[in-house]
Amino acid sequence: MNRIIYADSQSSADLLYATRFAAPDPFLYFTARGKSYLVLSDLEVDRGRREARVDRILHWSRFRDEIRKRTGRRPTSEETCLDILRKHGVQKALVPGAFPLRLALFLSRRGIKLSVPQDGFFPERAHKTKAEVREIELALRVTEHLFARAREILKSSKVVAGEKLKWGGSILTSERLRAEIQVAALRMGAMAEQPIIAGGVQACDPHHRGSGPLKACELIVVDIFPRLQKTCYWGDMTRTFVRGRASPAQKKLFETVRLAQERGFEIIGPGVRAEKVHREVAALFEKHGYRTGLMGGRQQGFIHGTGHGLGLEIHEAPGMGVGSLSRLEPGNVVTVEPGLYYPRIGGVRIEDVALVTPHGCRKLSRFPVVLEV
């Protein structure tokens, strides 16, 4: 069936996947009679011809100006889209779930039947090609470089009064360490917009970015997910550090999470239900005495899924959590990121990336898993 996307490819991974053309403003992509089309502004047409992987590039302005000559007024973008689609014989098409509502209503009321596929707009995105795997590996090499920088800064920091860390002549905060990581990413051709640097109780909220001074002898969750600027593929890894000596409770928590991640890698393989990976990891935590649930007025324990797909989006299919209906298949690239979170101890998360192979999985990330620095 024909397909239609109207979006900017910086925010639409489906559009970027279909065209390999990155642009910040919305543009029209569609297929008709077995061919793919991009309709671009005059600003982008020449670049589109060089870069876009489609059969034909069309000028938006030509269709707009034709309508203006017929009607004596400047048409809306919805009217221009309709005219283009009609002229190419598109009567029904698939659209992504994020398709603009206003445009969808306009086209539907004028006879173009639209539907949203239930299994994703491009389900084949979950099966990475060799070229895509190479791009993800490149993103992971950048990620590892950023972790090396973060570990270097933590290791070279000094402990001052109140167990705060001092580095480069001033107190080391989550914000300072985050900035160092972001600058290093830019130098390597990547963007690391929101790395998580969360210590102590903050680390018990898995998506807390972290703020304020970092302290010695507390668990610090560092989650870095840079995106390559050239190809837009993501890396994603998490490590948990303690600057100084970890307590027995911290060490036990860390070691249990490490074992859980190893269990996840052991289970992953073609045909395995994604939910099974998650349930096996959760069962290991329960076996070691780490309960999950509402305690002391907040959720504690293993409070998120075991992993997710990685590619042109930081979170994409297949998901590995409760209720996932996916079965893992060769070519899937997934994270394995078990974690435990208890405010009285702190938070620990360890995350790596694996490629599902015909015989199991191959770990793509390779930064060492070490607690104390």
Protein backbone atom coordinates (compact mmCIF):
# COMPACT_ATOMS: atom_id res chain seq x y z
CA MET A 1 0.00 0.00 0.00
CA ASN A 2 1.07 3.61 -0.55
CA ARG A 3 2.63 5.50 2.35
CA ILE A 4 2.59 9.15 3.37
CA ILE A 5 4.73 11.00 5.91
CA TYR A 6 4.61 14.74 6.53
CA ALA A 7 7.17 15.72 9.16
CA ASP A 8 10.71 16.91 9.65
CA SER A 9 13.27 14.13 9.56
CA GLN A 10 15.10 15.37 12.64
CA SER A 11 12.14 14.30 14.76
CA SER A 12 10.68 11.51 12.58
CA ALA A 13 12.87 8.43 12.57
CA ASP A 14 10.51 6.81 10.06
CA LEU A 15 11.05 9.65 7.60
CA LEU A 16 14.80 9.56 8.11
CA TYR A 17 14.79 5.79 7.61
CA ALA A 18 12.78 6.09 4.38
CA THR A 19 14.81 8.92 2.84
CA ARG A 20 18.15 9.24 4.67
CA PHE A 21 17.61 12.96 4.24
CA ALA A 22 17.91 15.17 7.32
CA ALA A 23 16.05 18.46 7.35
CA PRO A 24 14.68 20.60 10.21
CA ASP A 25 11.43 21.71 8.52
CA PRO A 26 8.46 19.48 7.59
CA PHE A 27 8.37 18.04 4.09
CA LEU A 28 6.22 15.51 2.24
CA TYR A 29 7.25 11.94 1.50
CA PHE A 30 4.94 9.51 -0.27
CA THR A 31 4.93 6.41 -2.39
CA ALA A 32 2.75 5.84 -5.46
CA ARG A 33 2.74 3.16 -8.12
CA GLY A 34 5.83 1.54 -6.65
CA LYS A 35 7.96 4.71 -6.61
CA SER A 36 9.01 6.98 -3.73
CA TYR A 37 8.83 10.78 -3.80
CA LEU A 38 10.07 13.73 -1.77
CA VAL A 39 8.49 17.14 -2.17
CA LEU A 40 10.93 19.79 -1.01
CA SER A 41 11.18 23.54 -0.81
CA ASP A 42 13.44 25.36 -3.25
CA LEU A 43 15.86 25.72 -0.34
CA GLU A 44 16.30 21.96 -0.05
CA VAL A 45 15.76 20.58 -3.57
CA ASP A 46 19.38 20.52 -4.71
CA ARG A 47 20.62 18.97 -1.48
CA GLY A 48 17.78 16.47 -1.64
CA ARG A 49 18.85 15.38 -5.10
CA ARG A 50 22.34 14.69 -3.79
CA GLU A 51 21.45 13.02 -0.52
CA ALA A 52 17.93 11.60 -0.47
CA ARG A 53 17.38 7.93 -1.25
CA VAL A 54 14.13 8.22 -3.19
CA ASP A 55 13.10 7.78 -6.79
CA ARG A 56 12.06 11.37 -7.50
CA ILE A 57 12.43 14.85 -6.00
CA LEU A 58 9.57 17.29 -6.61
CA HIS A 59 9.39 21.07 -6.14
CA TRP A 60 6.81 22.11 -3.53
CA SER A 61 6.72 25.62 -4.99
CA ARG A 62 5.57 24.40 -8.42
CA PHE A 63 2.45 22.76 -7.02
CA ARG A 64 1.78 25.71 -4.71
CA ASP A 65 2.12 28.23 -7.55
CA GLU A 66 -0.17 26.23 -9.85
CA ILE A 67 -2.89 26.28 -7.20
CA ARG A 68 -2.39 30.01 -6.68
CA LYS A 69 -2.83 30.66 -10.41
CA ARG A 70 -6.07 28.64 -10.45
CA THR A 71 -7.58 30.11 -7.28
CA GLY A 72 -6.02 33.57 -7.02
CA ARG A 73 -4.84 32.93 -3.46
CA ARG A 74 -1.95 31.26 -1.69
CA PRO A 75 -2.94 27.67 -0.77
CA THR A 76 -2.48 26.12 2.64
CA SER A 77 0.05 23.33 3.09
CA GLU A 78 -2.88 20.88 3.44
CA GLU A 79 -4.29 21.98 0.07
CA THR A 80 -0.89 21.63 -1.56
CA CYS A 81 -0.42 18.11 -0.13
CA LEU A 82 -3.85 17.10 -1.41
CA ASP A 83 -3.11 18.41 -4.90
CA ILE A 84 0.20 16.54 -5.06
CA LEU A 85 -1.30 13.27 -3.86
CA ARG A 86 -4.25 13.46 -6.25
CA LYS A 87 -1.98 14.17 -9.21
CA HIS A 88 -0.01 11.02 -8.37
CA GLY A 89 -3.08 8.83 -8.00
CA VAL A 90 -2.91 8.31 -4.23
CA GLN A 91 -6.38 7.33 -3.01
CA LYS A 92 -5.47 5.43 0.15
CA ALA A 93 -2.29 5.15 2.18
CA LEU A 94 -0.65 4.16 5.43
CA VAL A 95 0.50 6.96 7.73
CA PRO A 96 2.53 6.85 10.98
CA GLY A 97 0.83 7.30 14.33
CA ALA A 98 2.37 10.75 14.72
CA PHE A 99 0.91 11.99 11.41
CA PRO A 100 -0.41 15.58 11.82
CA LEU A 101 -4.07 15.43 12.86
CA ARG A 102 -5.06 18.55 10.92
CA LEU A 103 -3.62 17.16 7.69
CA ALA A 104 -5.13 13.73 8.33
CA LEU A 105 -8.62 15.20 8.77
CA PHE A 106 -8.24 17.40 5.69
CA LEU A 107 -7.15 14.52 3.44
CA SER A 108 -9.74 12.11 4.85
CA ARG A 109 -12.61 14.56 4.29
CA ARG A 110 -11.56 14.88 0.67
CA GLY A 111 -11.57 11.20 -0.11
CA ILE A 112 -8.06 9.94 0.68
CA LYS A 113 -8.39 6.94 3.00
CA LEU A 114 -5.71 6.84 5.68
CA SER A 115 -4.86 4.06 8.14
CA VAL A 116 -2.19 3.52 10.78
CA PRO A 117 -0.43 0.12 10.80
CA GLN A 118 -0.60 -1.68 14.12
CA ASP A 119 2.90 -3.17 14.01
CA GLY A 120 4.77 0.05 13.30
CA PHE A 121 5.09 2.12 10.14
CA PHE A 122 8.32 0.40 9.08
CA PRO A 123 8.49 -2.80 11.16
CA GLU A 124 11.63 -3.74 9.23
CA ARG A 125 13.45 -1.01 11.18
CA ALA A 126 13.77 -3.52 14.04
CA HIS A 127 16.00 -5.68 11.83
CA LYS A 128 19.27 -3.85 11.42
CA THR A 129 21.38 -4.25 8.31
CA LYS A 130 25.13 -4.77 8.56
CA ALA A 131 25.59 -1.10 7.67
CA GLU A 132 23.23 -0.03 10.45
CA VAL A 133 25.00 -2.25 12.98
CA ARG A 134 28.28 -0.58 12.00
CA GLU A 135 26.76 2.86 12.65
CA ILE A 136 25.49 1.78 16.06
CA GLU A 137 28.94 0.39 16.85
CA LEU A 138 30.46 3.74 15.87
CA ALA A 139 28.01 5.47 18.22
CA LEU A 140 29.01 3.04 20.97
CA ARG A 141 32.70 3.80 20.42
CA VAL A 142 31.86 7.46 20.98
CA THR A 143 29.87 6.49 24.07
CA GLU A 144 32.82 4.56 25.46
CA HIS A 145 35.11 7.52 24.90
CA LEU A 146 32.68 9.69 26.86
CA PHE A 147 32.60 7.16 29.69
CA ALA A 148 36.38 7.16 29.78
CA ARG A 149 36.26 10.94 30.16
CA ALA A 150 33.67 10.74 32.93
CA ARG A 151 35.63 8.09 34.80
CA GLU A 152 38.87 10.07 34.40
CA ILE A 153 37.27 13.16 35.94
CA LEU A 154 35.77 11.22 38.84
CA LYS A 155 39.03 9.42 39.50
CA SER A 156 41.09 12.62 39.48
CA SER A 157 38.66 14.49 41.73
CA LYS A 158 39.59 15.19 45.35
CA VAL A 159 37.43 14.63 48.39
CA VAL A 160 36.89 17.82 50.40
CA ALA A 161 34.82 18.76 53.45
CA GLY A 162 31.40 17.19 53.59
CA GLU A 163 32.53 14.40 51.23
CA LYS A 164 31.98 16.62 48.20
CA LEU A 165 34.21 16.10 45.19
CA LYS A 166 36.49 18.85 43.91
CA TRP A 167 37.87 18.91 40.37
CA GLY A 168 39.60 21.60 38.37
CA GLY A 169 39.65 24.00 41.30
CA SER A 170 35.94 23.88 42.17
CA ILE A 171 33.22 21.57 43.39
CA LEU A 172 32.35 18.82 40.92
CA THR A 173 28.63 18.85 40.24
CA SER A 174 26.38 16.79 38.02
CA GLU A 175 26.09 19.85 35.79
CA ARG A 176 29.87 20.23 35.38
CA LEU A 177 30.44 16.57 34.59
CA ARG A 178 27.51 16.62 32.16
CA ALA A 179 29.00 19.63 30.36
CA GLU A 180 32.38 17.91 30.03
CA ILE A 181 30.68 14.91 28.45
CA GLN A 182 28.68 17.08 26.06
CA VAL A 183 31.75 18.99 24.90
CA ALA A 184 33.67 15.75 24.35
CA ALA A 185 30.75 14.40 22.30
CA LEU A 186 30.71 17.45 20.04
CA ARG A 187 34.41 17.00 19.36
CA MET A 188 33.67 13.46 18.17
CA GLY A 189 30.82 14.44 15.86
CA ALA A 190 27.98 13.52 18.18
CA MET A 191 25.35 15.15 20.36
CA ALA A 192 24.85 14.09 23.97
CA GLU A 193 21.98 16.32 24.98
CA GLN A 194 20.73 14.88 28.25
CA PRO A 195 23.27 12.53 29.87
CA ILE A 196 22.22 11.38 33.32
CA ILE A 197 24.70 12.07 36.11
CA ALA A 198 22.77 11.25 39.27
CA GLY A 199 24.20 10.47 42.67
CA GLY A 200 22.74 9.31 45.97
CA VAL A 201 18.96 9.45 46.29
CA GLN A 202 18.68 11.16 42.89
CA ALA A 203 19.95 7.97 41.26
CA CYS A 204 16.89 6.13 42.61
CA ASP A 205 14.76 7.97 40.06
CA PRO A 206 16.04 6.27 36.86
CA HIS A 207 15.46 9.32 34.62
CA HIS A 208 16.60 12.02 37.05
CA ARG A 209 19.27 13.99 35.18
CA GLY A 210 21.08 14.76 38.41
CA SER A 211 21.95 18.12 39.92
CA GLY A 212 24.23 19.62 42.54
CA PRO A 213 27.49 18.42 44.07
CA LEU A 214 28.64 14.85 43.58
CA LYS A 215 29.89 13.10 46.70
CA ALA A 216 32.46 10.48 47.57
CA CYS A 217 31.33 7.03 48.66
CA GLU A 218 27.87 7.34 47.08
CA LEU A 219 26.53 5.49 44.06
CA ILE A 220 26.60 7.66 40.93
CA VAL A 221 24.58 6.49 37.92
CA VAL A 222 26.05 7.72 34.62
CA ASP A 223 23.82 7.10 31.59
CA ILE A 224 25.16 8.46 28.27
CA PHE A 225 23.29 8.21 24.96
CA PRO A 226 24.96 10.23 22.18
CA ARG A 227 23.59 10.53 18.66
CA LEU A 228 25.92 10.66 15.66
CA GLN A 229 25.44 13.95 13.85
CA LYS A 230 26.13 12.51 10.40
CA THR A 231 23.89 9.44 10.36
CA CYS A 232 21.68 10.05 13.45
CA TYR A 233 22.22 6.59 14.97
CA TRP A 234 22.31 6.37 18.75
CA GLY A 235 24.61 4.81 21.30
CA ASP A 236 23.39 4.02 24.82
CA MET A 237 25.26 2.78 27.87
CA THR A 238 25.06 3.10 31.63
CA ARG A 239 27.60 2.54 34.36
CA THR A 240 27.45 3.08 38.10
CA PHE A 241 30.49 4.43 39.93
CA VAL A 242 31.59 5.12 43.48
CA ARG A 243 34.41 7.61 43.97
CA GLY A 244 36.33 5.98 46.78
CA ARG A 245 35.32 2.93 48.77
CA ALA A 246 31.91 1.37 48.34
CA SER A 247 30.06 -0.01 51.36
CA PRO A 248 29.22 -3.73 51.59
CA ALA A 249 25.56 -2.93 50.79
CA GLN A 250 26.57 -0.93 47.71
CA LYS A 251 28.90 -3.70 46.53
CA LYS A 252 26.20 -6.35 46.94
CA LEU A 253 23.67 -4.25 45.06
CA PHE A 254 26.15 -3.64 42.25
CA GLU A 255 27.18 -7.29 42.01
CA THR A 256 23.56 -8.44 41.87
CA VAL A 257 22.79 -6.05 39.01
CA ARG A 258 25.89 -7.27 37.18
CA LEU A 259 24.76 -10.89 37.56
CA ALA A 260 21.29 -9.95 36.35
CA GLN A 261 22.71 -8.37 33.23
CA GLU A 262 24.77 -11.47 32.54
CA ARG A 263 21.60 -13.54 32.91
CA GLY A 264 19.89 -11.32 30.37
CA PHE A 265 22.64 -11.86 27.82
CA GLU A 266 22.49 -15.62 28.41
CA ILE A 267 18.78 -15.74 27.56
CA ILE A 268 18.74 -13.48 24.50
CA GLY A 269 18.48 -15.32 21.21
CA PRO A 270 16.28 -15.77 18.15
CA GLY A 271 12.72 -16.79 18.95
CA VAL A 272 12.97 -15.86 22.63
CA ARG A 273 10.04 -13.82 23.93
CA ALA A 274 11.29 -10.38 24.95
CA GLU A 275 9.15 -10.50 28.07
CA LYS A 276 10.90 -13.71 29.14
CA VAL A 277 14.23 -11.89 29.30
CA HIS A 278 12.67 -9.31 31.61
CA ARG A 279 10.99 -11.89 33.83
CA GLU A 280 14.17 -13.92 34.22
CA VAL A 281 16.08 -10.80 35.29
CA ALA A 282 13.33 -9.86 37.75
CA ALA A 283 13.32 -13.40 39.15
CA LEU A 284 17.07 -13.23 39.81
CA PHE A 285 16.59 -10.05 41.82
CA GLU A 286 13.83 -11.67 43.88
CA LYS A 287 16.02 -14.74 44.45
CA HIS A 288 18.75 -12.51 45.88
CA GLY A 289 16.30 -10.82 48.24
CA TYR A 290 15.71 -7.56 46.34
CA ARG A 291 11.97 -6.92 46.34
CA THR A 292 10.19 -4.55 43.99
CA GLY A 293 7.15 -2.50 44.91
CA LEU A 294 5.85 0.45 46.89
CA MET A 295 7.99 0.90 49.99
CA GLY A 296 8.19 3.98 52.15
CA GLY A 297 5.82 5.83 49.85
CA ARG A 298 7.83 5.33 46.66
CA GLN A 299 8.52 2.64 44.08
CA GLN A 300 11.71 0.75 44.84
CA GLY A 301 13.59 -2.21 43.41
CA PHE A 302 13.54 -3.11 39.72
CA ILE A 303 11.14 -0.45 38.47
CA HIS A 304 11.68 -0.40 34.70
CA GLY A 305 12.00 -2.73 31.74
CA THR A 306 15.13 -4.75 31.03
CA GLY A 307 15.84 -3.10 27.69
CA HIS A 308 14.72 -1.67 24.38
CA GLY A 309 15.62 -1.53 20.73
CA LEU A 310 18.26 0.97 19.62
CA GLY A 311 18.85 2.58 16.24
CA LEU A 312 17.54 5.81 14.72
CA GLU A 313 15.59 6.27 17.97
CA ILE A 314 16.93 5.94 21.46
CA HIS A 315 13.91 3.79 22.37
CA GLU A 316 12.45 1.68 19.58
CA ALA A 317 11.19 -1.84 18.96
CA PRO A 318 11.57 -4.39 20.35
CA GLY A 319 10.91 -3.52 23.97
CA MET A 320 11.92 -5.93 26.73
CA GLY A 321 9.54 -5.41 29.62
CA VAL A 322 6.30 -6.60 31.16
CA GLY A 323 3.66 -7.12 28.49
CA SER A 324 6.01 -7.11 25.50
CA LEU A 325 4.63 -9.31 22.74
CA SER A 326 7.83 -9.31 20.69
CA ARG A 327 9.96 -12.31 19.92
CA LEU A 328 13.61 -11.52 19.39
CA GLU A 329 14.94 -12.08 15.89
CA PRO A 330 18.36 -11.94 14.23
CA GLY A 331 19.21 -8.34 13.43
CA ASN A 332 17.53 -6.85 16.50
CA VAL A 333 19.81 -4.49 18.42
CA VAL A 334 18.75 -4.20 22.04
CA THR A 335 19.96 -2.74 25.31
CA VAL A 336 20.21 -4.85 28.46
CA GLU A 337 19.95 -2.50 31.43
CA PRO A 338 18.78 -4.03 34.70
CA GLY A 339 18.78 -1.76 37.74
CA LEU A 340 17.95 -1.69 41.43
CA TYR A 341 16.93 1.43 43.34
CA TYR A 342 16.68 1.78 47.13
CA PRO A 343 17.05 5.25 48.70
CA ARG A 344 18.71 3.82 51.80
CA ILE A 345 21.54 2.42 49.62
CA GLY A 346 21.32 4.23 46.30
CA GLY A 347 20.72 3.26 42.70
CA VAL A 348 22.64 0.92 40.42
CA ARG A 349 22.09 0.44 36.69
CA ILE A 350 24.38 -1.27 34.18
CA GLU A 351 23.54 -1.02 30.49
CA ASP A 352 25.12 -2.50 27.40
CA VAL A 353 24.00 -3.17 23.83
CA ALA A 354 23.73 -6.50 22.02
CA LEU A 355 22.97 -7.72 18.51
CA VAL A 356 20.68 -10.74 18.28
CA THR A 357 22.37 -13.36 16.08
CA PRO A 358 21.15 -16.69 14.65
CA HIS A 359 22.75 -18.48 17.60
CA GLY A 360 22.33 -16.07 20.52
CA CYS A 361 23.66 -12.56 20.78
CA ARG A 362 26.83 -10.57 20.32
CA LYS A 363 27.67 -7.80 22.74
CA LEU A 364 28.44 -4.59 20.87
CA SER A 365 29.51 -2.36 23.75
CA ARG A 366 32.70 -3.12 25.62
CA PHE A 367 33.47 -0.53 28.30
CA PRO A 368 34.56 -2.25 31.53
CA VAL A 369 32.09 -2.72 34.37
CA VAL A 370 33.87 -1.39 37.46
CA LEU A 371 32.29 0.09 40.57
CA GLU A 372 35.05 1.90 42.46
CA VAL A 373 37.14 4.65 40.86
